[in-house]
Amino acid sequence: MGLFGKKKTEKVEVSSLVKILGSGCAKCNTLEDNTVEALKMLGKEMPVEHVTDFSKIAAYGVMTTPALVYDQKVLIAGRVAKAEEIAELLKEVMA
């Protein structure tokens, strides 16, 4: 009887709220570094995922990288922002 058997447990992949979209070029890496710095400025500890798959990047509607995504929303695209600007943007969307 499967009615009282063990429950199946599935691993659910938890996606990061903060993502950098880009090929891994110098600008993408700089945006990632600036984002990590901005999170530190805000006192937030969270992983920053770097997405390099172009089909996934295009799914966000981003045609020019690097881009910064928070909670599936593109905040910056096509340029490298300074840590202070990123902190302000993140503060607004996290509120």
N, C-alpha and C. Protein backbone atom coordinates (compact mmCIF):
# COMPACT_ATOMS: atom_id res chain seq x y z
N MET A 1 0.83 -1.19 0.00
CA MET A 1 0.00 0.00 0.00
C MET A 1 0.87 1.25 0.00
N GLY A 2 0.74 2.03 -1.01
CA GLY A 2 1.52 3.25 -1.12
C GLY A 2 0.94 4.39 -0.31
N LEU A 3 -0.22 4.15 0.28
CA LEU A 3 -0.89 5.22 1.00
C LEU A 3 -0.09 5.71 2.20
N PHE A 4 0.54 4.77 2.90
CA PHE A 4 1.27 5.15 4.10
C PHE A 4 2.78 5.02 3.92
N GLY A 5 3.21 4.97 2.68
CA GLY A 5 4.63 4.83 2.39
C GLY A 5 5.37 6.13 2.63
N LYS A 6 6.66 6.07 2.41
CA LYS A 6 7.50 7.26 2.59
C LYS A 6 7.18 8.28 1.51
N LYS A 7 7.25 9.52 1.92
CA LYS A 7 7.04 10.60 0.96
C LYS A 7 8.28 10.74 0.10
N LYS A 8 8.05 11.05 -1.14
CA LYS A 8 9.18 11.33 -2.02
C LYS A 8 9.65 12.76 -1.74
N THR A 9 10.94 12.90 -1.64
CA THR A 9 11.48 14.24 -1.45
C THR A 9 12.21 14.62 -2.73
N GLU A 10 11.93 15.79 -3.19
CA GLU A 10 12.56 16.28 -4.41
C GLU A 10 13.45 17.46 -4.05
N LYS A 11 14.58 17.50 -4.71
CA LYS A 11 15.45 18.66 -4.54
C LYS A 11 14.94 19.77 -5.44
N VAL A 12 14.69 20.88 -4.85
CA VAL A 12 14.24 22.04 -5.59
C VAL A 12 15.41 23.00 -5.69
N GLU A 13 15.73 23.37 -6.91
CA GLU A 13 16.84 24.30 -7.11
C GLU A 13 16.40 25.70 -6.72
N VAL A 14 17.08 26.26 -5.75
CA VAL A 14 16.76 27.62 -5.31
C VAL A 14 17.62 28.58 -6.11
N SER A 15 16.97 29.43 -6.81
CA SER A 15 17.66 30.39 -7.66
C SER A 15 17.97 31.64 -6.84
N SER A 16 19.09 32.20 -7.13
CA SER A 16 19.52 33.41 -6.44
C SER A 16 18.61 34.58 -6.81
N LEU A 17 18.39 35.47 -5.86
CA LEU A 17 17.60 36.67 -6.15
C LEU A 17 18.41 37.68 -6.95
N VAL A 18 19.73 37.67 -6.79
CA VAL A 18 20.61 38.62 -7.46
C VAL A 18 21.39 37.87 -8.53
N LYS A 19 21.29 38.36 -9.76
CA LYS A 19 21.98 37.71 -10.87
C LYS A 19 22.71 38.74 -11.71
N ILE A 20 23.85 38.32 -12.21
CA ILE A 20 24.59 39.10 -13.20
C ILE A 20 24.46 38.34 -14.50
N LEU A 21 24.01 39.01 -15.54
CA LEU A 21 23.88 38.39 -16.84
C LEU A 21 25.03 38.85 -17.72
N GLY A 22 25.77 37.91 -18.27
CA GLY A 22 26.87 38.26 -19.16
C GLY A 22 27.78 37.09 -19.41
N SER A 23 28.64 37.26 -20.39
CA SER A 23 29.50 36.18 -20.86
C SER A 23 30.66 35.85 -19.93
N GLY A 24 30.92 36.71 -18.98
CA GLY A 24 32.07 36.50 -18.10
C GLY A 24 33.22 37.42 -18.48
N CYS A 25 32.91 38.43 -19.26
CA CYS A 25 33.93 39.40 -19.68
C CYS A 25 34.33 40.30 -18.51
N ALA A 26 35.29 41.15 -18.73
CA ALA A 26 35.78 42.04 -17.68
C ALA A 26 34.67 42.95 -17.13
N LYS A 27 33.82 43.48 -18.02
CA LYS A 27 32.73 44.35 -17.57
C LYS A 27 31.73 43.58 -16.70
N CYS A 28 31.44 42.35 -17.11
CA CYS A 28 30.51 41.52 -16.33
C CYS A 28 31.07 41.24 -14.94
N ASN A 29 32.35 40.92 -14.90
CA ASN A 29 33.00 40.64 -13.62
C ASN A 29 33.05 41.88 -12.73
N THR A 30 33.26 43.05 -13.34
CA THR A 30 33.28 44.30 -12.58
C THR A 30 31.90 44.59 -12.01
N LEU A 31 30.85 44.36 -12.81
CA LEU A 31 29.49 44.57 -12.31
C LEU A 31 29.19 43.61 -11.16
N GLU A 32 29.67 42.39 -11.26
CA GLU A 32 29.48 41.43 -10.17
C GLU A 32 30.20 41.89 -8.91
N ASP A 33 31.46 42.34 -9.05
CA ASP A 33 32.22 42.84 -7.90
C ASP A 33 31.51 44.04 -7.25
N ASN A 34 31.02 44.95 -8.09
CA ASN A 34 30.33 46.14 -7.58
C ASN A 34 29.02 45.76 -6.88
N THR A 35 28.36 44.72 -7.38
CA THR A 35 27.11 44.26 -6.77
C THR A 35 27.38 43.64 -5.41
N VAL A 36 28.43 42.84 -5.31
CA VAL A 36 28.81 42.26 -4.02
C VAL A 36 29.15 43.36 -3.04
N GLU A 37 29.86 44.38 -3.49
CA GLU A 37 30.20 45.52 -2.63
C GLU A 37 28.94 46.26 -2.18
N ALA A 38 27.99 46.45 -3.10
CA ALA A 38 26.73 47.13 -2.76
C ALA A 38 25.95 46.35 -1.71
N LEU A 39 25.92 45.03 -1.85
CA LEU A 39 25.23 44.20 -0.86
C LEU A 39 25.88 44.33 0.51
N LYS A 40 27.22 44.39 0.53
CA LYS A 40 27.93 44.59 1.80
C LYS A 40 27.58 45.94 2.41
N MET A 41 27.48 46.97 1.56
CA MET A 41 27.12 48.31 2.03
C MET A 41 25.74 48.31 2.68
N LEU A 42 24.85 47.46 2.16
CA LEU A 42 23.49 47.37 2.68
C LEU A 42 23.37 46.39 3.84
N GLY A 43 24.46 45.70 4.15
CA GLY A 43 24.44 44.73 5.23
C GLY A 43 23.70 43.45 4.87
N LYS A 44 23.62 43.15 3.59
CA LYS A 44 22.91 41.96 3.10
C LYS A 44 23.92 40.91 2.68
N GLU A 45 23.66 39.68 3.09
CA GLU A 45 24.49 38.57 2.64
C GLU A 45 23.62 37.65 1.82
N MET A 46 23.88 37.61 0.53
CA MET A 46 23.14 36.72 -0.36
C MET A 46 24.02 36.37 -1.54
N PRO A 47 23.80 35.20 -2.10
CA PRO A 47 24.63 34.79 -3.23
C PRO A 47 24.31 35.61 -4.47
N VAL A 48 25.32 35.80 -5.29
CA VAL A 48 25.16 36.48 -6.57
C VAL A 48 25.46 35.44 -7.64
N GLU A 49 24.45 35.14 -8.43
CA GLU A 49 24.59 34.14 -9.49
C GLU A 49 25.03 34.82 -10.78
N HIS A 50 25.98 34.20 -11.47
CA HIS A 50 26.45 34.74 -12.75
C HIS A 50 25.90 33.85 -13.86
N VAL A 51 25.00 34.39 -14.66
CA VAL A 51 24.35 33.65 -15.74
C VAL A 51 25.08 33.94 -17.04
N THR A 52 25.63 32.89 -17.66
CA THR A 52 26.37 33.07 -18.91
C THR A 52 25.67 32.44 -20.11
N ASP A 53 24.60 31.69 -19.88
CA ASP A 53 23.86 31.04 -20.96
C ASP A 53 23.05 32.10 -21.71
N PHE A 54 23.37 32.28 -22.99
CA PHE A 54 22.74 33.36 -23.76
C PHE A 54 21.24 33.17 -23.94
N SER A 55 20.75 31.94 -23.97
CA SER A 55 19.30 31.74 -24.08
C SER A 55 18.60 32.19 -22.80
N LYS A 56 19.24 31.97 -21.65
CA LYS A 56 18.67 32.43 -20.38
C LYS A 56 18.74 33.95 -20.28
N ILE A 57 19.82 34.53 -20.78
CA ILE A 57 19.96 35.98 -20.77
C ILE A 57 18.88 36.61 -21.65
N ALA A 58 18.68 36.05 -22.83
CA ALA A 58 17.66 36.57 -23.75
C ALA A 58 16.26 36.44 -23.17
N ALA A 59 16.04 35.44 -22.33
CA ALA A 59 14.73 35.26 -21.72
C ALA A 59 14.36 36.44 -20.82
N TYR A 60 15.35 37.16 -20.35
CA TYR A 60 15.10 38.37 -19.55
C TYR A 60 14.85 39.59 -20.44
N GLY A 61 14.99 39.43 -21.74
CA GLY A 61 14.82 40.54 -22.66
C GLY A 61 16.07 41.40 -22.77
N VAL A 62 17.18 40.91 -22.27
CA VAL A 62 18.44 41.66 -22.28
C VAL A 62 19.18 41.36 -23.57
N MET A 63 19.51 42.41 -24.31
CA MET A 63 20.26 42.24 -25.56
C MET A 63 21.68 42.76 -25.43
N THR A 64 21.94 43.57 -24.41
CA THR A 64 23.27 44.11 -24.19
C THR A 64 23.69 43.81 -22.76
N THR A 65 24.82 43.14 -22.62
CA THR A 65 25.33 42.82 -21.29
C THR A 65 26.47 43.75 -20.95
N PRO A 66 26.82 43.87 -19.69
CA PRO A 66 26.32 43.13 -18.54
C PRO A 66 24.97 43.67 -18.08
N ALA A 67 24.28 42.85 -17.28
CA ALA A 67 23.01 43.27 -16.72
C ALA A 67 22.90 42.78 -15.29
N LEU A 68 22.15 43.52 -14.50
CA LEU A 68 21.91 43.17 -13.10
C LEU A 68 20.43 42.87 -12.94
N VAL A 69 20.13 41.72 -12.34
CA VAL A 69 18.74 41.30 -12.12
C VAL A 69 18.54 41.08 -10.63
N TYR A 70 17.42 41.59 -10.13
CA TYR A 70 17.03 41.29 -8.74
C TYR A 70 15.60 40.79 -8.77
N ASP A 71 15.38 39.62 -8.21
CA ASP A 71 14.05 39.01 -8.12
C ASP A 71 13.36 39.00 -9.48
N GLN A 72 14.09 38.56 -10.49
CA GLN A 72 13.60 38.40 -11.87
C GLN A 72 13.33 39.72 -12.58
N LYS A 73 13.73 40.84 -12.01
CA LYS A 73 13.52 42.15 -12.64
C LYS A 73 14.88 42.74 -13.03
N VAL A 74 15.01 43.14 -14.28
CA VAL A 74 16.25 43.73 -14.76
C VAL A 74 16.35 45.15 -14.23
N LEU A 75 17.42 45.42 -13.48
CA LEU A 75 17.63 46.75 -12.91
C LEU A 75 18.58 47.59 -13.76
N ILE A 76 19.58 46.94 -14.32
CA ILE A 76 20.60 47.63 -15.12
C ILE A 76 20.94 46.73 -16.30
N ALA A 77 21.10 47.31 -17.47
CA ALA A 77 21.51 46.53 -18.63
C ALA A 77 22.41 47.36 -19.53
N GLY A 78 23.46 46.72 -20.04
CA GLY A 78 24.32 47.36 -21.02
C GLY A 78 25.40 48.27 -20.48
N ARG A 79 25.59 48.28 -19.17
CA ARG A 79 26.63 49.14 -18.60
C ARG A 79 27.05 48.63 -17.23
N VAL A 80 28.18 49.13 -16.78
CA VAL A 80 28.69 48.79 -15.45
C VAL A 80 28.33 49.94 -14.52
N ALA A 81 27.57 49.65 -13.49
CA ALA A 81 27.20 50.67 -12.51
C ALA A 81 28.14 50.61 -11.32
N LYS A 82 28.29 51.76 -10.67
CA LYS A 82 29.11 51.81 -9.46
C LYS A 82 28.36 51.19 -8.30
N ALA A 83 29.09 50.77 -7.28
CA ALA A 83 28.50 50.11 -6.11
C ALA A 83 27.46 50.98 -5.44
N GLU A 84 27.70 52.28 -5.37
CA GLU A 84 26.77 53.19 -4.71
C GLU A 84 25.42 53.22 -5.43
N GLU A 85 25.46 53.26 -6.78
CA GLU A 85 24.22 53.27 -7.57
C GLU A 85 23.47 51.96 -7.40
N ILE A 86 24.20 50.86 -7.42
CA ILE A 86 23.59 49.54 -7.24
C ILE A 86 22.94 49.45 -5.87
N ALA A 87 23.61 49.95 -4.86
CA ALA A 87 23.07 49.93 -3.50
C ALA A 87 21.75 50.69 -3.43
N GLU A 88 21.68 51.84 -4.09
CA GLU A 88 20.45 52.63 -4.10
C GLU A 88 19.32 51.88 -4.81
N LEU A 89 19.63 51.27 -5.94
CA LEU A 89 18.62 50.50 -6.68
C LEU A 89 18.12 49.32 -5.86
N LEU A 90 19.05 48.61 -5.24
CA LEU A 90 18.67 47.45 -4.44
C LEU A 90 17.85 47.86 -3.22
N LYS A 91 18.22 48.99 -2.62
CA LYS A 91 17.49 49.49 -1.46
C LYS A 91 16.03 49.73 -1.83
N GLU A 92 15.80 50.30 -3.03
CA GLU A 92 14.45 50.60 -3.49
C GLU A 92 13.63 49.33 -3.71
N VAL A 93 14.23 48.34 -4.38
CA VAL A 93 13.46 47.12 -4.72
C VAL A 93 13.34 46.15 -3.54
N MET A 94 14.20 46.28 -2.55
CA MET A 94 14.13 45.40 -1.39
C MET A 94 13.15 45.93 -0.34
N ALA A 95 12.75 47.19 -0.49
CA ALA A 95 11.87 47.81 0.51
C ALA A 95 10.46 47.26 0.46
